[in-house]
Protein backbone atom coordinates (compact mmCIF):
# COMPACT_ATOMS: atom_id res chain seq x y z
CA UNK A 1 17.43 -7.03 0.30
CA UNK A 2 17.02 -4.53 2.80
CA UNK A 3 13.94 -5.35 5.04
CA UNK A 4 11.57 -2.99 4.85
CA UNK A 5 10.81 -0.52 7.41
CA UNK A 6 7.91 -1.43 9.26
CA UNK A 7 5.80 -0.14 12.34
CA UNK A 8 4.73 -2.72 14.82
CA UNK A 9 1.51 -3.86 14.23
CA UNK A 10 -0.72 -1.99 16.91
CA UNK A 11 -4.44 -3.79 15.86
CA UNK A 12 -7.32 -2.79 18.40
CA UNK A 13 -9.90 -4.97 19.92
CA UNK A 14 -12.19 -3.64 18.20
CA UNK A 15 -10.47 -4.35 15.07
CA UNK A 16 -10.27 -7.90 16.02
CA UNK A 17 -13.54 -8.45 17.11
CA UNK A 18 -14.83 -6.99 13.79
CA UNK A 19 -12.83 -9.61 11.64
CA UNK A 20 -13.74 -11.63 13.48
CA UNK A 21 -17.54 -11.06 12.36
CA UNK A 22 -15.87 -10.87 8.79
CA UNK A 23 -14.95 -14.51 8.56
CA UNK A 24 -17.41 -16.07 10.69
CA UNK A 25 -19.60 -14.35 7.78
CA UNK A 26 -17.87 -16.27 5.28
CA UNK A 27 -16.63 -19.21 6.95
CA UNK A 28 -18.65 -21.65 5.28
CA UNK A 29 -18.10 -19.90 1.69
CA UNK A 30 -16.79 -21.44 -1.24
CA UNK A 31 -13.37 -19.10 -2.07
CA UNK A 32 -14.15 -17.17 1.23
CA UNK A 33 -10.47 -16.36 1.33
CA UNK A 34 -10.41 -13.11 -0.88
CA UNK A 35 -13.57 -11.53 0.02
CA UNK A 36 -12.08 -11.62 3.85
CA UNK A 37 -9.14 -10.53 3.07
CA UNK A 38 -10.98 -7.58 1.15
CA UNK A 39 -12.18 -7.00 4.10
CA UNK A 40 -9.77 -7.19 6.60
CA UNK A 41 -7.74 -4.91 4.25
CA UNK A 42 -10.58 -2.71 4.94
CA UNK A 43 -10.67 -2.99 8.64
CA UNK A 44 -7.03 -2.56 9.66
CA UNK A 45 -5.57 -0.82 6.32
CA UNK A 46 -3.23 -3.24 4.89
CA UNK A 47 -2.41 -7.50 6.27
CA UNK A 48 0.23 -7.70 8.26
CA UNK A 49 1.31 -11.70 9.53
CA UNK A 50 -1.21 -10.52 12.34
CA UNK A 51 -4.05 -10.45 10.74
CA UNK A 52 -2.88 -13.26 7.77
CA UNK A 53 -2.75 -15.77 11.22
CA UNK A 54 -6.46 -15.16 12.73
CA UNK A 55 -7.67 -15.21 9.02
CA UNK A 56 -5.46 -18.49 8.21
CA UNK A 57 -7.11 -19.88 12.23
CA UNK A 58 -10.17 -18.54 11.63
CA UNK A 59 -11.05 -20.02 7.86
CA UNK A 60 -8.65 -23.58 8.58
CA UNK A 61 -6.01 -22.32 5.85
CA UNK A 62 -2.52 -22.53 6.84
CA UNK A 63 -0.49 -19.03 7.02
CA UNK A 64 1.61 -20.60 3.74
CA UNK A 65 -1.88 -20.56 1.74
CA UNK A 66 -3.24 -17.10 2.74
CA UNK A 67 0.65 -15.58 2.52
CA UNK A 68 0.23 -16.86 -1.15
CA UNK A 69 -3.05 -14.92 -1.86
CA UNK A 70 -2.02 -11.48 -0.27
CA UNK A 71 1.24 -11.42 -2.82
CA UNK A 72 0.11 -12.87 -5.22
CA UNK A 73 -2.69 -9.73 -5.78
CA UNK A 74 -1.24 -6.48 -5.99
CA UNK A 75 -4.33 -5.20 -4.26
CA UNK A 76 -3.27 -6.05 -1.03
CA UNK A 77 -0.52 -4.65 0.99
CA UNK A 78 2.01 -6.38 3.79
CA UNK A 79 2.44 -2.75 4.57
CA UNK A 80 0.91 -0.20 6.25
CA UNK A 81 -0.17 3.20 3.53
CA UNK A 82 0.21 6.55 4.80
CA UNK A 83 -2.02 9.37 6.04
CA UNK A 84 -0.65 10.54 2.03
CA UNK A 85 -0.09 7.94 0.13
CA UNK A 86 2.54 8.37 -3.14
CA UNK A 87 2.40 6.38 -6.22
CA UNK A 88 4.34 7.49 -9.02
CA UNK A 89 3.84 5.65 -12.47
CA UNK A 90 6.44 4.06 -13.93
CA UNK A 91 4.53 2.84 -16.85
CA UNK A 92 6.17 3.52 -20.10
CA UNK A 93 5.62 7.52 -20.82
CA UNK A 94 6.24 8.38 -17.22
CA UNK A 95 9.33 6.70 -17.39
CA UNK A 96 10.75 7.70 -20.43
CA UNK A 97 9.96 11.03 -19.67
CA UNK A 98 11.72 10.68 -15.77
CA UNK A 99 9.13 9.09 -13.44
CA UNK A 100 12.53 6.98 -11.97
CA UNK A 101 14.43 10.25 -10.90
CA UNK A 102 11.10 11.42 -9.49
CA UNK A 103 10.44 8.73 -7.28
CA UNK A 104 14.39 8.25 -6.34
CA UNK A 105 13.95 11.90 -4.85
CA UNK A 106 11.22 11.31 -2.63
CA UNK A 107 12.75 8.69 -1.94
CA UNK A 108 15.62 10.65 -0.24
CA UNK A 109 13.87 13.25 0.48
CA UNK A 110 10.93 10.83 3.02
CA UNK A 111 13.93 8.15 4.12
CA UNK A 112 11.83 5.49 2.41
CA UNK A 113 11.92 2.76 0.42
CA UNK A 114 9.58 1.72 -1.99
CA UNK A 115 6.21 0.22 0.16
CA UNK A 116 7.35 1.84 3.32
CA UNK A 117 5.46 3.91 5.25
CA UNK A 118 7.50 7.02 6.92
CA UNK A 119 7.55 6.71 11.00
CA UNK A 120 5.11 8.85 11.92
CA UNK A 121 2.52 6.62 9.40
CA UNK A 122 2.11 10.35 7.33
CA UNK A 123 3.54 9.43 3.78
CA UNK A 124 3.76 6.12 2.38
CA UNK A 125 5.66 5.60 -1.26
CA UNK A 126 4.51 3.13 -3.91
CA UNK A 127 5.73 2.66 -7.45
CA UNK A 128 2.79 2.18 -10.28
CA UNK A 129 2.54 0.85 -13.49
CA UNK A 130 0.01 3.29 -16.18
CA UNK A 131 -2.79 4.77 -14.55
CA UNK A 132 -3.92 5.63 -17.87
CA UNK A 133 -2.58 9.91 -17.79
CA UNK A 134 0.05 9.43 -20.38
CA UNK A 135 -0.60 13.18 -21.85
CA UNK A 136 0.58 14.32 -18.78
CA UNK A 137 3.71 12.05 -18.44
CA UNK A 138 5.31 11.98 -15.93
CA UNK A 139 2.46 11.80 -13.75
CA UNK A 140 1.95 10.93 -9.93
CA UNK A 141 -0.90 10.42 -7.27
CA UNK A 142 -1.34 11.50 -3.39
CA UNK A 143 -4.54 10.30 -2.25
CA UNK A 144 -6.17 11.42 -5.00
CA UNK A 145 -4.83 14.44 -6.41
CA UNK A 146 -3.44 14.02 -10.03
CA UNK A 147 -0.01 15.92 -10.57
CA UNK A 148 1.20 15.95 -13.93
CA UNK A 149 4.49 17.62 -16.47
CA UNK A 150 6.12 16.68 -13.73
CA UNK A 151 10.29 17.44 -12.89
CA UNK A 152 12.57 16.43 -9.87
CA UNK A 153 12.48 20.11 -8.43
CA UNK A 154 8.74 19.89 -8.04
CA UNK A 155 9.30 17.19 -5.17
CA UNK A 156 9.51 18.93 -2.19
CA UNK A 157 6.71 21.65 -3.38
CA UNK A 158 4.88 18.25 -3.41
CA UNK A 159 5.74 17.35 -0.08
CA UNK A 160 5.50 21.01 1.61
CA UNK A 161 1.85 21.31 0.31
CA UNK A 162 1.25 17.84 2.41
CA UNK A 163 3.16 19.69 5.71
CA UNK A 164 6.44 17.41 5.22
């Protein structure tokens, strides 16, 4: 499997100070890891190994323990998300109506794979399970905008709307 394209980690001293405050706030609480991970992802937008390492050291855990939780729960991301987060539904109704082909077209046009972000940080691409809009299948979201009854021919117009 090809390695994902990931921009270099660029955390700031301010973000690091915020994370240290979060760790200190939760350090003595039972089950501190998940709340710390949630707040860390709010600070950084994702959970790269550098952030996981700070959390592991701050909470007295192994990096393997932290990584195990990050990769177990779908709400945590190891990769940065773009300014425009494209999520193509691959639930059954969407998939049988062609969402797999739509996802492939986004991958081709953006030059990234699922879970990746364009080098300029503008677009990220994810495949999701059912988002509950089966009557509009196939469906995708761009941030909070929902697009339904799509075809592969709609991809370029959607990307143009967001400045691609």
